[in-house]
């Protein structure tokens, strides 16, 4: 059984991860939840997790410093960062502090579970976009780091669908559509859906939908 400690300052994120692990796996156990770095250090000592799923941006002690202190104190488990940030500096800081893995929060739930299993087995799970960004001269060009879901949303925007229609088509909430759109705008370098649609028509294969 893989013992997992969740560290994130957003209760909703922790609840979602806990529900995901509890309801869909039989090889993992959530042994605790921490809302910040200081609490994470306390709970690691109390619960002895195999894997710590660590957010980076938290008030007080952030994920990088928490990771550094946990390993300095002799923690022998694995720390996997789960964050929204994919810039090279944050990735490098987290890995230098001792994190063995780095995943982005927009990954599919199954990918996060696979990362936990991989880390517990002694491997180093890295989001493909993160791994690519770490290679010298290989930072992704605009649009290269879009997730599968973001590409689906972008293609539907290019077809002229409104957020409500996209949500219905993909069976997700309108709020989730807006989150994906925000990520798309940032990653392809546009500021509105019209520009995003034009970008999609210029850069995405015409035969994909």
Protein backbone atom coordinates (compact mmCIF):
# COMPACT_ATOMS: atom_id res chain seq x y z
CA UNK A 1 0.00 0.00 0.00
CA UNK A 2 1.42 3.39 -1.02
CA UNK A 3 0.98 5.91 1.80
CA UNK A 4 0.35 9.40 0.42
CA UNK A 5 0.43 12.81 2.11
CA UNK A 6 -1.31 15.68 0.31
CA UNK A 7 0.10 19.20 0.66
CA UNK A 8 -1.85 22.10 -0.85
CA UNK A 9 -3.22 25.35 0.56
CA UNK A 10 -6.54 24.96 -1.29
CA UNK A 11 -9.01 22.69 0.57
CA UNK A 12 -10.87 21.92 -2.65
CA UNK A 13 -7.71 20.61 -4.32
CA UNK A 14 -6.90 18.41 -1.33
CA UNK A 15 -10.46 17.12 -1.20
CA UNK A 16 -10.42 16.31 -4.91
CA UNK A 17 -7.11 14.47 -4.71
CA UNK A 18 -8.19 12.58 -1.61
CA UNK A 19 -11.44 11.52 -3.27
CA UNK A 20 -9.58 10.49 -6.41
CA UNK A 21 -7.15 8.29 -4.52
CA UNK A 22 -9.73 6.83 -2.13
CA UNK A 23 -12.41 6.06 -4.70
CA UNK A 24 -10.36 4.90 -7.68
CA UNK A 25 -7.35 3.02 -6.29
CA UNK A 26 -6.82 0.01 -4.07
CA UNK A 27 -3.06 0.38 -3.78
CA UNK A 28 -2.92 3.84 -2.17
CA UNK A 29 -3.90 5.33 1.17
CA UNK A 30 -4.14 9.04 2.03
CA UNK A 31 -2.49 9.30 5.44
CA UNK A 32 -2.86 13.05 5.88
CA UNK A 33 -3.50 16.47 4.40
CA UNK A 34 -1.46 19.61 5.03
CA UNK A 35 -2.35 23.18 4.09
CA UNK A 36 1.23 24.47 4.13
CA UNK A 37 4.90 23.63 4.41
CA UNK A 38 5.15 23.83 8.19
CA UNK A 39 2.23 21.47 8.68
CA UNK A 40 3.63 19.15 6.02
CA UNK A 41 6.84 18.72 8.01
CA UNK A 42 4.86 17.90 11.15
CA UNK A 43 2.59 15.41 9.39
CA UNK A 44 5.45 13.62 7.63
CA UNK A 45 6.96 12.89 11.03
CA UNK A 46 3.60 11.69 12.35
CA UNK A 47 2.34 9.64 9.41
CA UNK A 48 5.44 8.32 7.60
CA UNK A 49 4.21 8.64 4.01
CA UNK A 50 5.87 6.94 1.05
CA UNK A 51 5.00 9.81 -1.29
CA UNK A 52 4.32 13.47 -0.58
CA UNK A 53 2.29 15.27 -3.25
CA UNK A 54 3.56 18.83 -2.83
CA UNK A 55 2.14 22.13 -4.07
CA UNK A 56 4.69 24.88 -4.71
CA UNK A 57 2.89 28.17 -4.13
CA UNK A 58 1.67 28.32 -0.53
CA UNK A 59 1.60 31.07 2.11
CA UNK A 60 4.35 30.85 4.69
CA UNK A 61 6.78 28.07 3.81
CA UNK A 62 6.48 27.22 0.12
CA UNK A 63 6.87 23.82 -1.49
CA UNK A 64 10.51 24.24 -2.41
CA UNK A 65 11.60 25.13 1.12
CA UNK A 66 9.39 22.43 2.61
CA UNK A 67 10.93 19.86 0.29
CA UNK A 68 14.43 21.00 1.21
CA UNK A 69 13.73 20.78 4.95
CA UNK A 70 12.01 17.42 4.78
CA UNK A 71 14.98 15.82 3.04
CA UNK A 72 17.47 17.56 5.32
CA UNK A 73 15.57 16.05 8.26
CA UNK A 74 16.03 12.56 6.81
CA UNK A 75 12.75 11.91 5.02
CA UNK A 76 13.30 8.78 2.92
CA UNK A 77 10.12 8.87 0.87
CA UNK A 78 9.56 10.57 -2.46
CA UNK A 79 8.30 14.11 -3.02
CA UNK A 80 6.34 14.82 -6.19
CA UNK A 81 5.49 18.42 -7.00
CA UNK A 82 1.95 19.02 -8.24
CA UNK A 83 1.56 22.63 -9.35
CA UNK A 84 0.24 25.00 -12.00
CA UNK A 85 3.68 26.47 -12.69
CA UNK A 86 5.83 25.11 -15.50
CA UNK A 87 8.49 27.82 -15.87
CA UNK A 88 12.05 26.56 -15.97
CA UNK A 89 13.19 28.42 -12.84
CA UNK A 90 10.53 26.89 -10.58
CA UNK A 91 11.09 23.43 -11.97
CA UNK A 92 14.84 23.71 -11.45
CA UNK A 93 14.40 25.00 -7.88
CA UNK A 94 12.05 22.16 -6.95
CA UNK A 95 14.28 19.45 -8.39
CA UNK A 96 17.37 21.00 -6.83
CA UNK A 97 15.59 20.94 -3.46
CA UNK A 98 15.13 17.20 -3.83
CA UNK A 99 11.75 16.59 -5.45
CA UNK A 100 11.86 13.44 -7.58
CA UNK A 101 8.88 14.32 -9.73
CA UNK A 102 7.10 17.34 -11.16
CA UNK A 103 3.54 17.25 -12.52
CA UNK A 104 1.18 19.99 -13.66
CA UNK A 105 -2.31 20.27 -12.21
CA UNK A 106 -4.00 20.17 -15.60
CA UNK A 107 -2.90 16.58 -16.19
CA UNK A 108 -5.53 13.86 -16.36
CA UNK A 109 -6.27 12.22 -12.97
CA UNK A 110 -4.83 8.91 -14.17
CA UNK A 111 -1.52 10.64 -14.95
CA UNK A 112 -1.27 11.94 -11.38
CA UNK A 113 -1.95 8.48 -9.97
CA UNK A 114 0.67 7.00 -12.30
CA UNK A 115 3.17 9.61 -11.09
CA UNK A 116 2.56 8.61 -7.46
CA UNK A 117 3.10 4.94 -8.29
CA UNK A 118 6.20 5.75 -10.32
CA UNK A 119 7.73 7.80 -7.50
CA UNK A 120 6.96 5.10 -4.96
CA UNK A 121 8.76 2.60 -7.21
CA UNK A 122 11.89 4.75 -7.22
CA UNK A 123 11.41 6.49 -10.55
CA UNK A 124 11.30 10.21 -11.40
CA UNK A 125 7.95 11.13 -12.98
CA UNK A 126 8.12 14.36 -14.97
CA UNK A 127 5.34 15.99 -16.93
CA UNK A 128 6.48 15.82 -20.60
CA UNK A 129 6.17 19.60 -20.89
CA UNK A 130 8.39 20.06 -17.86
CA UNK A 131 11.00 17.61 -19.13
CA UNK A 132 11.11 19.38 -22.48
CA UNK A 133 11.53 22.78 -20.85
CA UNK A 134 14.58 21.53 -18.92
CA UNK A 135 16.51 20.59 -22.05
CA UNK A 136 18.93 23.32 -23.19
CA UNK A 137 17.45 25.21 -26.09
CA UNK A 138 14.31 23.06 -26.01
CA UNK A 139 11.81 25.36 -24.36
CA UNK A 140 8.48 24.64 -26.06
CA UNK A 141 7.32 26.96 -28.81
CA UNK A 142 3.92 28.62 -28.33
CA UNK A 143 1.28 25.91 -28.27
CA UNK A 144 3.62 22.93 -28.00
CA UNK A 145 2.90 22.48 -24.30
CA UNK A 146 -0.89 22.37 -24.60
CA UNK A 147 -2.48 19.42 -22.82
CA UNK A 148 -4.85 17.05 -24.59
CA UNK A 149 -7.86 18.71 -22.96
CA UNK A 150 -6.62 22.20 -23.81
CA UNK A 151 -6.25 21.15 -27.44
CA UNK A 152 -9.81 19.81 -27.43
CA UNK A 153 -11.12 23.09 -26.03
CA UNK A 154 -9.08 25.13 -28.50
CA UNK A 155 -10.35 23.16 -31.48
CA UNK A 156 -13.94 23.64 -30.37
CA UNK A 157 -13.34 27.37 -29.93
CA UNK A 158 -12.01 27.41 -33.49
CA UNK A 159 -15.27 25.78 -34.59
CA UNK A 160 -17.18 28.69 -33.07
CA UNK A 161 -18.64 26.91 -30.05
CA UNK A 162 -19.49 28.93 -26.93
CA UNK A 163 -18.23 27.89 -23.49
CA UNK A 164 -21.57 26.29 -22.59
CA UNK A 165 -21.51 24.21 -25.78
CA UNK A 166 -17.90 23.19 -25.20
CA UNK A 167 -18.72 22.15 -21.64
CA UNK A 168 -21.62 20.03 -22.87
CA UNK A 169 -19.55 18.45 -25.65
CA UNK A 170 -16.65 17.53 -23.34
CA UNK A 171 -18.86 16.75 -20.32
CA UNK A 172 -17.07 19.24 -18.08
CA UNK A 173 -18.22 22.39 -16.29
CA UNK A 174 -18.19 25.86 -17.83
CA UNK A 175 -15.78 26.94 -15.11
CA UNK A 176 -13.36 24.21 -16.17
CA UNK A 177 -13.69 25.37 -19.78
CA UNK A 178 -12.73 28.89 -18.69
CA UNK A 179 -9.69 27.57 -16.82
CA UNK A 180 -8.54 25.63 -19.87
CA UNK A 181 -9.10 28.69 -22.07
CA UNK A 182 -6.98 30.82 -19.76
CA UNK A 183 -4.17 28.28 -20.03
CA UNK A 184 -4.56 28.20 -23.82
CA UNK A 185 -4.39 31.99 -24.11
CA UNK A 186 -1.19 32.08 -22.03
CA UNK A 187 0.52 29.21 -23.82
CA UNK A 188 -0.16 30.31 -27.38
CA UNK A 189 0.40 33.99 -26.63
CA UNK A 190 -3.07 35.46 -27.28
CA UNK A 191 -5.51 37.46 -25.16
CA UNK A 192 -8.97 36.52 -26.46
CA UNK A 193 -10.90 33.63 -28.01
CA UNK A 194 -11.01 35.20 -31.48
CA UNK A 195 -7.22 35.35 -31.60
CA UNK A 196 -7.06 31.82 -30.19
CA UNK A 197 -9.39 30.57 -32.95
CA UNK A 198 -7.24 32.22 -35.60
CA UNK A 199 -4.12 30.69 -34.05
CA UNK A 200 -5.74 27.25 -34.06
CA UNK A 201 -6.72 27.51 -37.71
CA UNK A 202 -3.17 28.55 -38.61
CA UNK A 203 -1.30 25.99 -36.51
CA UNK A 204 -3.44 22.91 -35.85
CA UNK A 205 -3.89 20.15 -38.44
CA UNK A 206 -7.13 20.69 -40.33
CA UNK A 207 -8.16 17.03 -40.10
CA UNK A 208 -8.14 16.92 -36.26
CA UNK A 209 -11.27 17.69 -34.30
